[in-house]
PDB file of N, CA and C in Angstrom:
ATOM      1  N   UNK A   1      -1.850 -10.007  -5.279  1.00  0.00           N
ATOM      2  CA  UNK A   1      -3.076  -9.923  -6.049  1.00  0.00           C
ATOM      3  C   UNK A   1      -2.960 -10.673  -7.300  1.00  0.00           C
ATOM      4  N   UNK A   2      -3.655 -11.825  -7.216  1.00  0.00           N
ATOM      5  CA  UNK A   2      -3.490 -12.801  -8.273  1.00  0.00           C
ATOM      6  C   UNK A   2      -3.987 -12.382  -9.696  1.00  0.00           C
ATOM      7  N   UNK A   3      -4.702 -11.256  -9.769  1.00  0.00           N
ATOM      8  CA  UNK A   3      -5.165 -10.815 -10.958  1.00  0.00           C
ATOM      9  C   UNK A   3      -4.255  -9.761 -11.649  1.00  0.00           C
ATOM     10  N   UNK A   4      -3.192  -9.415 -11.049  1.00  0.00           N
ATOM     11  CA  UNK A   4      -2.231  -8.506 -11.538  1.00  0.00           C
ATOM     12  C   UNK A   4      -0.791  -8.999 -11.152  1.00  0.00           C
ATOM     13  N   UNK A   5      -0.481 -10.134 -11.787  1.00  0.00           N
ATOM     14  CA  UNK A   5       0.826 -10.747 -11.524  1.00  0.00           C
ATOM     15  C   UNK A   5       1.973  -9.885 -12.135  1.00  0.00           C
ATOM     16  N   UNK A   6       1.625  -8.990 -13.029  1.00  0.00           N
ATOM     17  CA  UNK A   6       2.702  -8.070 -13.649  1.00  0.00           C
ATOM     18  C   UNK A   6       3.150  -7.041 -12.700  1.00  0.00           C
ATOM     19  N   UNK A   7       2.363  -6.722 -11.569  1.00  0.00           N
ATOM     20  CA  UNK A   7       2.766  -5.749 -10.644  1.00  0.00           C
ATOM     21  C   UNK A   7       3.315  -6.426  -9.378  1.00  0.00           C
ATOM     22  N   UNK A   8       4.526  -6.017  -9.139  1.00  0.00           N
ATOM     23  CA  UNK A   8       5.226  -6.576  -7.884  1.00  0.00           C
ATOM     24  C   UNK A   8       6.482  -5.726  -7.609  1.00  0.00           C
ATOM     25  N   UNK A   9       6.908  -5.702  -6.338  1.00  0.00           N
ATOM     26  CA  UNK A   9       6.372  -6.351  -5.157  1.00  0.00           C
ATOM     27  C   UNK A   9       5.151  -5.610  -4.521  1.00  0.00           C
ATOM     28  N   UNK A  10       4.492  -6.313  -3.655  1.00  0.00           N
ATOM     29  CA  UNK A  10       3.306  -5.749  -3.016  1.00  0.00           C
ATOM     30  C   UNK A  10       3.527  -5.459  -1.573  1.00  0.00           C
ATOM     31  N   UNK A  11       2.947  -4.430  -1.047  1.00  0.00           N
ATOM     32  CA  UNK A  11       2.803  -4.164   0.339  1.00  0.00           C
ATOM     33  C   UNK A  11       1.409  -4.710   0.664  1.00  0.00           C
ATOM     34  N   UNK A  12       1.480  -5.565   1.703  1.00  0.00           N
ATOM     35  CA  UNK A  12       0.219  -6.279   1.994  1.00  0.00           C
ATOM     36  C   UNK A  12      -0.026  -6.455   3.556  1.00  0.00           C
ATOM     37  N   UNK A  13      -1.243  -6.535   3.937  1.00  0.00           N
ATOM     38  CA  UNK A  13      -1.657  -6.913   5.245  1.00  0.00           C
ATOM     39  C   UNK A  13      -1.242  -5.950   6.315  1.00  0.00           C
ATOM     40  N   UNK A  14      -1.313  -4.712   6.104  1.00  0.00           N
ATOM     41  CA  UNK A  14      -0.945  -3.734   7.145  1.00  0.00           C
ATOM     42  C   UNK A  14      -2.181  -3.540   8.028  1.00  0.00           C
ATOM     43  N   UNK A  15      -1.966  -3.900   9.268  1.00  0.00           N
ATOM     44  CA  UNK A  15      -3.097  -3.751  10.217  1.00  0.00           C
ATOM     45  C   UNK A  15      -2.664  -3.217  11.528  1.00  0.00           C
ATOM     46  N   UNK A  16      -3.400  -2.249  11.923  1.00  0.00           N
ATOM     47  CA  UNK A  16      -3.159  -1.669  13.418  1.00  0.00           C
ATOM     48  C   UNK A  16      -4.453  -1.964  14.176  1.00  0.00           C
ATOM     49  N   UNK A  17      -4.395  -2.457  15.319  1.00  0.00           N
ATOM     50  CA  UNK A  17      -5.623  -2.803  16.081  1.00  0.00           C
ATOM     51  C   UNK A  17      -6.319  -1.512  16.381  1.00  0.00           C
ATOM     52  N   UNK A  18      -7.644  -1.529  16.424  1.00  0.00           N
ATOM     53  CA  UNK A  18      -8.433  -0.409  16.579  1.00  0.00           C
ATOM     54  C   UNK A  18      -8.047   0.517  17.808  1.00  0.00           C
ATOM     55  N   UNK A  19      -7.669  -0.067  18.942  1.00  0.00           N
ATOM     56  CA  UNK A  19      -7.313   0.731  20.046  1.00  0.00           C
ATOM     57  C   UNK A  19      -5.957   1.355  19.974  1.00  0.00           C
ATOM     58  N   UNK A  20      -5.136   1.096  18.924  1.00  0.00           N
ATOM     59  CA  UNK A  20      -3.880   1.627  18.766  1.00  0.00           C
ATOM     60  C   UNK A  20      -3.859   2.585  17.521  1.00  0.00           C
ATOM     61  N   UNK A  21      -4.959   2.766  16.922  1.00  0.00           N
ATOM     62  CA  UNK A  21      -5.062   3.663  15.716  1.00  0.00           C
ATOM     63  C   UNK A  21      -4.963   5.143  16.146  1.00  0.00           C
ATOM     64  N   UNK A  22      -4.665   5.921  15.125  1.00  0.00           N
ATOM     65  CA  UNK A  22      -4.582   7.404  15.226  1.00  0.00           C
ATOM     66  C   UNK A  22      -3.368   7.867  16.139  1.00  0.00           C
ATOM     67  N   UNK A  23      -2.267   6.990  16.142  1.00  0.00           N
ATOM     68  CA  UNK A  23      -1.098   7.323  16.843  1.00  0.00           C
ATOM     69  C   UNK A  23       0.108   7.311  16.004  1.00  0.00           C
ATOM     70  N   UNK A  24      -0.140   7.213  14.696  1.00  0.00           N
ATOM     71  CA  UNK A  24       1.043   7.227  13.740  1.00  0.00           C
ATOM     72  C   UNK A  24       1.693   5.878  13.488  1.00  0.00           C
ATOM     73  N   UNK A  25       1.115   4.817  14.111  1.00  0.00           N
ATOM     74  CA  UNK A  25       1.733   3.513  13.932  1.00  0.00           C
ATOM     75  C   UNK A  25       1.662   3.040  12.460  1.00  0.00           C
ATOM     76  N   UNK A  26       0.547   3.179  11.881  1.00  0.00           N
ATOM     77  CA  UNK A  26       0.373   2.802  10.455  1.00  0.00           C
ATOM     78  C   UNK A  26       1.378   3.454   9.565  1.00  0.00           C
ATOM     79  N   UNK A  27       1.547   4.783   9.695  1.00  0.00           N
ATOM     80  CA  UNK A  27       2.470   5.566   8.992  1.00  0.00           C
ATOM     81  C   UNK A  27       3.885   5.052   9.184  1.00  0.00           C
ATOM     82  N   UNK A  28       4.218   4.760  10.419  1.00  0.00           N
ATOM     83  CA  UNK A  28       5.587   4.259  10.747  1.00  0.00           C
ATOM     84  C   UNK A  28       5.790   2.996  10.107  1.00  0.00           C
ATOM     85  N   UNK A  29       4.862   2.049  10.099  1.00  0.00           N
ATOM     86  CA  UNK A  29       4.990   0.738   9.497  1.00  0.00           C
ATOM     87  C   UNK A  29       5.218   0.898   7.903  1.00  0.00           C
ATOM     88  N   UNK A  30       4.262   1.709   7.300  1.00  0.00           N
ATOM     89  CA  UNK A  30       4.353   1.797   5.859  1.00  0.00           C
ATOM     90  C   UNK A  30       5.687   2.490   5.469  1.00  0.00           C
ATOM     91  N   UNK A  31       6.018   3.539   6.119  1.00  0.00           N
ATOM     92  CA  UNK A  31       7.301   4.171   5.715  1.00  0.00           C
ATOM     93  C   UNK A  31       8.527   3.346   6.010  1.00  0.00           C
ATOM     94  N   UNK A  32       8.485   2.490   6.997  1.00  0.00           N
ATOM     95  CA  UNK A  32       9.579   1.655   7.252  1.00  0.00           C
ATOM     96  C   UNK A  32       9.689   0.493   6.125  1.00  0.00           C
ATOM     97  N   UNK A  33       8.613   0.041   5.609  1.00  0.00           N
ATOM     98  CA  UNK A  33       8.580  -0.921   4.479  1.00  0.00           C
ATOM     99  C   UNK A  33       9.175  -0.188   3.296  1.00  0.00           C
ATOM    100  N   UNK A  34       8.643   1.019   2.993  1.00  0.00           N
ATOM    101  CA  UNK A  34       9.115   1.736   1.885  1.00  0.00           C
ATOM    102  C   UNK A  34      10.678   1.986   1.870  1.00  0.00           C
ATOM    103  N   UNK A  35      11.208   2.429   3.099  1.00  0.00           N
ATOM    104  CA  UNK A  35      12.647   2.621   3.236  1.00  0.00           C
ATOM    105  C   UNK A  35      13.415   1.318   3.032  1.00  0.00           C
ATOM    106  N   UNK A  36      12.940   0.256   3.587  1.00  0.00           N
ATOM    107  CA  UNK A  36      13.518  -1.003   3.356  1.00  0.00           C
ATOM    108  C   UNK A  36      13.580  -1.436   1.932  1.00  0.00           C
ATOM    109  N   UNK A  37      12.446  -1.166   1.249  1.00  0.00           N
ATOM    110  CA  UNK A  37      12.495  -1.444  -0.197  1.00  0.00           C
ATOM    111  C   UNK A  37      13.474  -0.623  -0.947  1.00  0.00           C
ATOM    112  N   UNK A  38      13.511   0.664  -0.659  1.00  0.00           N
ATOM    113  CA  UNK A  38      14.572   1.565  -1.218  1.00  0.00           C
ATOM    114  C   UNK A  38      15.881   1.071  -1.013  1.00  0.00           C
ATOM    115  N   UNK A  39      16.240   0.548   0.223  1.00  0.00           N
ATOM    116  CA  UNK A  39      17.577   0.035   0.548  1.00  0.00           C
ATOM    117  C   UNK A  39      17.836  -1.196  -0.256  1.00  0.00           C
ATOM    118  N   UNK A  40      16.814  -1.899  -0.735  1.00  0.00           N
ATOM    119  CA  UNK A  40      16.975  -3.160  -1.446  1.00  0.00           C
ATOM    120  C   UNK A  40      16.794  -2.876  -2.986  1.00  0.00           C
ATOM    121  N   UNK A  41      16.939  -1.655  -3.409  1.00  0.00           N
ATOM    122  CA  UNK A  41      16.885  -1.215  -4.797  1.00  0.00           C
ATOM    123  C   UNK A  41      15.537  -1.526  -5.444  1.00  0.00           C
ATOM    124  N   UNK A  42      14.529  -1.518  -4.774  1.00  0.00           N
ATOM    125  CA  UNK A  42      13.160  -1.692  -5.309  1.00  0.00           C
ATOM    126  C   UNK A  42      12.635  -0.275  -5.719  1.00  0.00           C
ATOM    127  N   UNK A  43      12.293  -0.114  -6.970  1.00  0.00           N
ATOM    128  CA  UNK A  43      11.915   1.201  -7.349  1.00  0.00           C
ATOM    129  C   UNK A  43      10.500   1.488  -7.233  1.00  0.00           C
ATOM    130  N   UNK A  44       9.545   0.479  -7.186  1.00  0.00           N
ATOM    131  CA  UNK A  44       8.113   0.775  -7.065  1.00  0.00           C
ATOM    132  C   UNK A  44       7.474  -0.341  -6.191  1.00  0.00           C
ATOM    133  N   UNK A  45       6.557   0.027  -5.376  1.00  0.00           N
ATOM    134  CA  UNK A  45       5.719  -0.887  -4.613  1.00  0.00           C
ATOM    135  C   UNK A  45       4.283  -0.738  -4.959  1.00  0.00           C
ATOM    136  N   UNK A  46       3.571  -1.763  -4.886  1.00  0.00           N
ATOM    137  CA  UNK A  46       2.157  -1.724  -5.116  1.00  0.00           C
ATOM    138  C   UNK A  46       1.314  -2.243  -3.896  1.00  0.00           C
ATOM    139  N   UNK A  47       0.154  -1.833  -3.818  1.00  0.00           N
ATOM    140  CA  UNK A  47      -0.842  -2.274  -2.818  1.00  0.00           C
ATOM    141  C   UNK A  47      -2.278  -2.203  -3.364  1.00  0.00           C
ATOM    142  N   UNK A  48      -3.193  -2.819  -2.726  1.00  0.00           N
ATOM    143  CA  UNK A  48      -4.581  -2.638  -2.947  1.00  0.00           C
ATOM    144  C   UNK A  48      -5.230  -2.369  -1.614  1.00  0.00           C
ATOM    145  N   UNK A  49      -6.251  -1.609  -1.591  1.00  0.00           N
ATOM    146  CA  UNK A  49      -7.026  -1.322  -0.393  1.00  0.00           C
ATOM    147  C   UNK A  49      -8.517  -1.130  -0.681  1.00  0.00           C
ATOM    148  N   UNK A  50      -9.354  -1.666   0.114  1.00  0.00           N
ATOM    149  CA  UNK A  50     -10.788  -1.485  -0.040  1.00  0.00           C
ATOM    150  C   UNK A  50     -11.221  -0.100   0.463  1.00  0.00           C
ATOM    151  N   UNK A  51     -10.474   0.456   1.540  1.00  0.00           N
ATOM    152  CA  UNK A  51     -11.041   1.646   2.067  1.00  0.00           C
ATOM    153  C   UNK A  51     -10.006   2.644   2.754  1.00  0.00           C
ATOM    154  N   UNK A  52      -8.751   2.462   2.394  1.00  0.00           N
ATOM    155  CA  UNK A  52      -7.680   3.349   2.987  1.00  0.00           C
ATOM    156  C   UNK A  52      -6.893   4.096   1.951  1.00  0.00           C
ATOM    157  N   UNK A  53      -7.487   4.404   0.803  1.00  0.00           N
ATOM    158  CA  UNK A  53      -6.697   5.066  -0.263  1.00  0.00           C
ATOM    159  C   UNK A  53      -6.217   6.440   0.227  1.00  0.00           C
ATOM    160  N   UNK A  54      -7.109   7.179   0.990  1.00  0.00           N
ATOM    161  CA  UNK A  54      -6.672   8.474   1.468  1.00  0.00           C
ATOM    162  C   UNK A  54      -5.526   8.417   2.336  1.00  0.00           C
ATOM    163  N   UNK A  55      -5.395   7.415   3.208  1.00  0.00           N
ATOM    164  CA  UNK A  55      -4.306   7.214   4.132  1.00  0.00           C
ATOM    165  C   UNK A  55      -3.036   7.118   3.375  1.00  0.00           C
ATOM    166  N   UNK A  56      -3.023   6.192   2.333  1.00  0.00           N
ATOM    167  CA  UNK A  56      -1.858   5.979   1.537  1.00  0.00           C
ATOM    168  C   UNK A  56      -1.484   7.146   0.692  1.00  0.00           C
ATOM    169  N   UNK A  57      -2.446   7.839   0.139  1.00  0.00           N
ATOM    170  CA  UNK A  57      -2.202   9.056  -0.726  1.00  0.00           C
ATOM    171  C   UNK A  57      -1.388  10.048   0.147  1.00  0.00           C
ATOM    172  N   UNK A  58      -1.676  10.256   1.355  1.00  0.00           N
ATOM    173  CA  UNK A  58      -1.002  11.126   2.268  1.00  0.00           C
ATOM    174  C   UNK A  58       0.529  10.705   2.435  1.00  0.00           C
ATOM    175  N   UNK A  59       0.830   9.461   2.197  1.00  0.00           N
ATOM    176  CA  UNK A  59       2.179   8.949   2.271  1.00  0.00           C
ATOM    177  C   UNK A  59       2.887   8.886   0.944  1.00  0.00           C
ATOM    178  N   UNK A  60       2.246   9.477  -0.145  1.00  0.00           N
ATOM    179  CA  UNK A  60       2.859   9.558  -1.430  1.00  0.00           C
ATOM    180  C   UNK A  60       2.419   8.510  -2.394  1.00  0.00           C
ATOM    181  N   UNK A  61       1.501   7.627  -2.040  1.00  0.00           N
ATOM    182  CA  UNK A  61       1.066   6.659  -3.020  1.00  0.00           C
ATOM    183  C   UNK A  61       0.057   7.217  -3.940  1.00  0.00           C
ATOM    184  N   UNK A  62      -0.063   6.709  -5.162  1.00  0.00           N
ATOM    185  CA  UNK A  62      -1.086   7.206  -6.094  1.00  0.00           C
ATOM    186  C   UNK A  62      -1.880   6.055  -6.584  1.00  0.00           C
ATOM    187  N   UNK A  63      -3.203   6.313  -6.784  1.00  0.00           N
ATOM    188  CA  UNK A  63      -4.141   5.395  -7.246  1.00  0.00           C
ATOM    189  C   UNK A  63      -3.869   5.145  -8.807  1.00  0.00           C
ATOM    190  N   UNK A  64      -3.808   3.848  -9.119  1.00  0.00           N
ATOM    191  CA  UNK A  64      -3.680   3.523 -10.559  1.00  0.00           C
ATOM    192  C   UNK A  64      -4.887   2.790 -11.136  1.00  0.00           C
ATOM    193  N   UNK A  65      -5.776   2.288 -10.269  1.00  0.00           N
ATOM    194  CA  UNK A  65      -6.987   1.630 -10.895  1.00  0.00           C
ATOM    195  C   UNK A  65      -7.966   1.456  -9.699  1.00  0.00           C
ATOM    196  N   UNK A  66      -9.204   1.422 -10.058  1.00  0.00           N
ATOM    197  CA  UNK A  66     -10.293   1.002  -9.126  1.00  0.00           C
ATOM    198  C   UNK A  66     -10.925  -0.195  -9.781  1.00  0.00           C
ATOM    199  N   UNK A  67     -11.069  -1.323  -9.077  1.00  0.00           N
ATOM    200  CA  UNK A  67     -11.676  -2.432  -9.628  1.00  0.00           C
ATOM    201  C   UNK A  67     -12.272  -3.341  -8.563  1.00  0.00           C
ATOM    202  N   UNK A  68     -12.946  -4.424  -8.965  1.00  0.00           N
ATOM    203  CA  UNK A  68     -13.423  -5.351  -8.022  1.00  0.00           C
ATOM    204  C   UNK A  68     -12.434  -6.557  -7.881  1.00  0.00           C
ATOM    205  N   UNK A  69     -12.145  -6.916  -6.602  1.00  0.00           N
ATOM    206  CA  UNK A  69     -11.257  -8.057  -6.370  1.00  0.00           C
ATOM    207  C   UNK A  69     -11.921  -8.990  -5.424  1.00  0.00           C
ATOM    208  N   UNK A  70     -12.171 -10.189  -5.796  1.00  0.00           N
ATOM    209  CA  UNK A  70     -12.929 -11.140  -4.945  1.00  0.00           C
ATOM    210  C   UNK A  70     -14.212 -10.467  -4.462  1.00  0.00           C
ATOM    211  N   UNK A  71     -14.953  -9.837  -5.355  1.00  0.00           N
ATOM    212  CA  UNK A  71     -16.240  -9.276  -5.105  1.00  0.00           C
ATOM    213  C   UNK A  71     -16.225  -8.001  -4.155  1.00  0.00           C
ATOM    214  N   UNK A  72     -15.022  -7.462  -3.971  1.00  0.00           N
ATOM    215  CA  UNK A  72     -14.829  -6.331  -3.176  1.00  0.00           C
ATOM    216  C   UNK A  72     -14.213  -5.172  -3.965  1.00  0.00           C
ATOM    217  N   UNK A  73     -14.832  -3.970  -3.921  1.00  0.00           N
ATOM    218  CA  UNK A  73     -14.251  -2.833  -4.651  1.00  0.00           C
ATOM    219  C   UNK A  73     -12.936  -2.439  -3.912  1.00  0.00           C
ATOM    220  N   UNK A  74     -11.824  -2.329  -4.710  1.00  0.00           N
ATOM    221  CA  UNK A  74     -10.623  -2.026  -4.193  1.00  0.00           C
ATOM    222  C   UNK A  74      -9.879  -0.877  -5.037  1.00  0.00           C
ATOM    223  N   UNK A  75      -8.978  -0.181  -4.507  1.00  0.00           N
ATOM    224  CA  UNK A  75      -8.090   0.802  -5.272  1.00  0.00           C
ATOM    225  C   UNK A  75      -6.796   0.176  -5.246  1.00  0.00           C
ATOM    226  N   UNK A  76      -6.154   0.042  -6.443  1.00  0.00           N
ATOM    227  CA  UNK A  76      -4.788  -0.424  -6.668  1.00  0.00           C
ATOM    228  C   UNK A  76      -3.945   0.872  -6.672  1.00  0.00           C
ATOM    229  N   UNK A  77      -2.862   0.814  -5.852  1.00  0.00           N
ATOM    230  CA  UNK A  77      -1.965   1.982  -5.745  1.00  0.00           C
ATOM    231  C   UNK A  77      -0.517   1.563  -5.947  1.00  0.00           C
ATOM    232  N   UNK A  78       0.201   2.616  -6.270  1.00  0.00           N
ATOM    233  CA  UNK A  78       1.724   2.434  -6.334  1.00  0.00           C
ATOM    234  C   UNK A  78       2.419   3.551  -5.766  1.00  0.00           C
ATOM    235  N   UNK A  79       3.665   3.376  -5.422  1.00  0.00           N
ATOM    236  CA  UNK A  79       4.562   4.502  -4.990  1.00  0.00           C
ATOM    237  C   UNK A  79       5.891   4.296  -5.582  1.00  0.00           C
ATOM    238  N   UNK A  80       6.531   5.255  -6.131  1.00  0.00           N
ATOM    239  CA  UNK A  80       7.897   5.233  -6.676  1.00  0.00           C
ATOM    240  C   UNK A  80       8.778   5.640  -5.597  1.00  0.00           C
ATOM    241  N   UNK A  81       9.841   4.751  -5.519  1.00  0.00           N
ATOM    242  CA  UNK A  81      10.826   4.968  -4.418  1.00  0.00           C
ATOM    243  C   UNK A  81      12.163   5.611  -4.741  1.00  0.00           C
ATOM    244  N   UNK A  82      12.284   5.877  -6.074  1.00  0.00           N
ATOM    245  CA  UNK A  82      13.574   6.482  -6.492  1.00  0.00           C
ATOM    246  C   UNK A  82      13.374   7.925  -6.844  1.00  0.00           C
TER     247      UNK A  82
END
């Protein structure tokens, strides 16, 4: 997110094809990245999402800001890994 270069590293481009959704694949992907980040001594991850804040909140992420990014409303979120 080029408007918040002070926030890093980012979880980005998580996508599960529509016919594979609601099977826990997204959760497995996100939790795997979180565990890998922990293993690499990363204490906080960030992401932004236009429409999946509830999904990430269920995985322990918290909203830190709502704003417009490239003319799209998004929620910026973070998760502490330590």
